[in-house]
C-alpha atoms as a PDB file:
ATOM      1  CA  MET A   1     -24.034   1.289  33.779  1.00  0.00           C
ATOM      2  CA  SER A   2     -22.102   4.559  33.784  1.00  0.00           C
ATOM      3  CA  ASP A   3     -22.972   7.686  31.867  1.00  0.00           C
ATOM      4  CA  PHE A   4     -20.835   8.072  28.804  1.00  0.00           C
ATOM      5  CA  ASP A   5     -21.101  11.347  26.967  1.00  0.00           C
ATOM      6  CA  LEU A   6     -19.708  11.345  23.443  1.00  0.00           C
ATOM      7  CA  ASP A   7     -20.159  14.263  21.075  1.00  0.00           C
ATOM      8  CA  LEU A   8     -20.072  12.540  17.681  1.00  0.00           C
ATOM      9  CA  ARG A   9     -20.112  15.812  15.749  1.00  0.00           C
ATOM     10  CA  THR A  10     -16.871  16.881  17.380  1.00  0.00           C
ATOM     11  CA  VAL A  11     -15.323  13.485  16.687  1.00  0.00           C
ATOM     12  CA  GLU A  12     -16.374  13.654  13.018  1.00  0.00           C
ATOM     13  CA  GLU A  13     -14.838  17.110  12.668  1.00  0.00           C
ATOM     14  CA  HIS A  14     -11.507  15.854  13.986  1.00  0.00           C
ATOM     15  CA  ILE A  15     -11.586  12.760  11.789  1.00  0.00           C
ATOM     16  CA  ASP A  16     -12.163  14.879   8.689  1.00  0.00           C
ATOM     17  CA  ASP A  17      -9.237  17.128   9.634  1.00  0.00           C
ATOM     18  CA  GLU A  18      -6.817  14.297  10.326  1.00  0.00           C
ATOM     19  CA  LEU A  19      -7.692  11.883   7.511  1.00  0.00           C
ATOM     20  CA  GLU A  20      -6.235  13.513   4.477  1.00  0.00           C
ATOM     21  CA  ILE A  21      -5.566  10.297   2.629  1.00  0.00           C
ATOM     22  CA  GLU A  22      -4.170  10.725  -0.832  1.00  0.00           C
ATOM     23  CA  GLY A  23      -3.489   8.123  -3.433  1.00  0.00           C
ATOM     24  CA  SER A  24      -5.320   5.301  -5.085  1.00  0.00           C
ATOM     25  CA  ILE A  25      -5.115   1.586  -5.574  1.00  0.00           C
ATOM     26  CA  VAL A  26      -3.372   1.069  -8.890  1.00  0.00           C
ATOM     27  CA  LEU A  27      -3.932  -2.241 -10.687  1.00  0.00           C
ATOM     28  CA  GLY A  28      -1.271  -3.467 -13.066  1.00  0.00           C
ATOM     29  CA  VAL A  29       0.750  -6.372 -14.382  1.00  0.00           C
ATOM     30  CA  LEU A  30       4.295  -7.021 -13.203  1.00  0.00           C
ATOM     31  CA  ASP A  31       5.852  -8.551 -16.307  1.00  0.00           C
ATOM     32  CA  GLY A  32       8.959  -6.459 -16.906  1.00  0.00           C
ATOM     33  CA  THR A  33       7.394  -4.047 -19.390  1.00  0.00           C
ATOM     34  CA  THR A  34       6.943  -1.202 -16.868  1.00  0.00           C
ATOM     35  CA  SER A  35      10.133   0.420 -15.608  1.00  0.00           C
ATOM     36  CA  ASP A  36      11.150   0.168 -11.961  1.00  0.00           C
ATOM     37  CA  ASP A  37      11.261   3.973 -11.829  1.00  0.00           C
ATOM     38  CA  GLU A  38       7.623   4.161 -12.893  1.00  0.00           C
ATOM     39  CA  TRP A  39       6.558   1.769 -10.100  1.00  0.00           C
ATOM     40  CA  LEU A  40       8.623   3.760  -7.571  1.00  0.00           C
ATOM     41  CA  GLU A  41       7.127   7.047  -8.739  1.00  0.00           C
ATOM     42  CA  THR A  42       3.613   5.613  -8.384  1.00  0.00           C
ATOM     43  CA  ILE A  43       4.372   4.478  -4.819  1.00  0.00           C
ATOM     44  CA  SER A  44       6.010   7.803  -3.920  1.00  0.00           C
ATOM     45  CA  LYS A  45       2.724   9.562  -4.729  1.00  0.00           C
ATOM     46  CA  GLY A  46       0.978   7.554  -1.994  1.00  0.00           C
ATOM     47  CA  ASN A  47      -0.546   4.916  -4.229  1.00  0.00           C
ATOM     48  CA  VAL A  48      -0.909   1.221  -3.453  1.00  0.00           C
ATOM     49  CA  LEU A  49       0.028  -1.204  -6.236  1.00  0.00           C
ATOM     50  CA  MET A  50      -1.861  -4.456  -6.814  1.00  0.00           C
ATOM     51  CA  LEU A  51       0.180  -6.203  -9.464  1.00  0.00           C
ATOM     52  CA  CYS A  52      -0.614  -9.486 -11.176  1.00  0.00           C
ATOM     53  CA  VAL A  53       2.748 -11.249 -11.382  1.00  0.00           C
ATOM     54  CA  ASP A  54       3.569 -12.697 -14.794  1.00  0.00           C
ATOM     55  CA  GLY A  55       6.895 -14.450 -14.220  1.00  0.00           C
ATOM     56  CA  ASP A  56       9.345 -14.756 -11.327  1.00  0.00           C
ATOM     57  CA  VAL A  57       8.298 -12.227  -8.677  1.00  0.00           C
ATOM     58  CA  ASN A  58      11.803 -11.989  -7.187  1.00  0.00           C
ATOM     59  CA  GLU A  59      13.358 -11.210 -10.534  1.00  0.00           C
ATOM     60  CA  LEU A  60      10.627  -8.817 -11.666  1.00  0.00           C
ATOM     61  CA  ALA A  61      10.503  -6.814  -8.412  1.00  0.00           C
ATOM     62  CA  ALA A  62      14.261  -6.787  -7.772  1.00  0.00           C
ATOM     63  CA  GLY A  63      14.692  -3.311  -9.251  1.00  0.00           C
ATOM     64  CA  PHE A  64      12.292  -1.567  -6.857  1.00  0.00           C
ATOM     65  CA  ALA A  65      11.686  -3.850  -3.850  1.00  0.00           C
ATOM     66  CA  ARG A  66      14.710  -2.699  -1.835  1.00  0.00           C
ATOM     67  CA  ASP A  67      13.828   0.985  -2.342  1.00  0.00           C
ATOM     68  CA  VAL A  68      10.244   0.349  -1.226  1.00  0.00           C
ATOM     69  CA  ARG A  69      11.370  -1.500   1.928  1.00  0.00           C
ATOM     70  CA  GLU A  70      14.061   1.048   2.788  1.00  0.00           C
ATOM     71  CA  SER A  71      11.516   3.869   2.535  1.00  0.00           C
ATOM     72  CA  GLY A  72       9.183   2.073   4.964  1.00  0.00           C
ATOM     73  CA  GLY A  73       6.812   0.553   2.413  1.00  0.00           C
ATOM     74  CA  ASN A  74       5.647  -3.052   2.240  1.00  0.00           C
ATOM     75  CA  LEU A  75       5.665  -5.811  -0.356  1.00  0.00           C
ATOM     76  CA  VAL A  76       3.445  -8.863   0.038  1.00  0.00           C
ATOM     77  CA  HIS A  77       3.273 -11.675  -2.524  1.00  0.00           C
ATOM     78  CA  PHE A  78      -0.082 -13.452  -2.268  1.00  0.00           C
ATOM     79  CA  ARG A  79      -1.753 -15.843  -4.726  1.00  0.00           C
ATOM     80  CA  GLY A  80      -0.031 -14.586  -7.831  1.00  0.00           C
ATOM     81  CA  PHE A  81      -0.282 -10.916  -6.890  1.00  0.00           C
ATOM     82  CA  LEU A  82       2.233  -8.493  -5.456  1.00  0.00           C
ATOM     83  CA  LEU A  83       0.792  -5.872  -3.123  1.00  0.00           C
ATOM     84  CA  VAL A  84       3.098  -2.873  -2.744  1.00  0.00           C
ATOM     85  CA  THR A  85       2.268  -0.144  -0.248  1.00  0.00           C
ATOM     86  CA  PRO A  86       3.890   3.212   0.465  1.00  0.00           C
ATOM     87  CA  PRO A  87       5.222   4.159   3.903  1.00  0.00           C
ATOM     88  CA  GLY A  88       2.428   4.489   6.441  1.00  0.00           C
ATOM     89  CA  VAL A  89       0.164   1.888   4.839  1.00  0.00           C
ATOM     90  CA  ASP A  90       0.515  -1.433   6.632  1.00  0.00           C
ATOM     91  CA  VAL A  91      -0.571  -4.824   5.358  1.00  0.00           C
ATOM     92  CA  ASP A  92      -2.171  -7.098   7.974  1.00  0.00           C
ATOM     93  CA  THR A  93      -1.349 -10.695   7.072  1.00  0.00           C
ATOM     94  CA  GLU A  94      -2.436 -12.294  10.374  1.00  0.00           C
ATOM     95  CA  ARG A  95      -5.447 -14.027   8.825  1.00  0.00           C
ATOM     96  CA  LEU A  96      -3.261 -15.835   6.325  1.00  0.00           C
ATOM     97  CA  SER A  97      -1.728 -18.107   8.986  1.00  0.00           C
END
């Protein structure tokens, strides 16, 4: 077995410097009562949306889905929920296959 020298304190210092994650997970209901601009503003602040879909997801998300995708964000419809992430936050769906 080879010697492996790892200074965990140095690693922790670099992690703290580089991980300046902002934003929250925002729970809501996608039912047409919240404006598309409000959803887009929430995403633009680095938040992730977890929305319970009450109606046709394609119709309800039509006003903001294209803007989210074009900016590099993600939309994933899963079991009655729409997960919307800002750019830089990926959604791993591999385990759903």
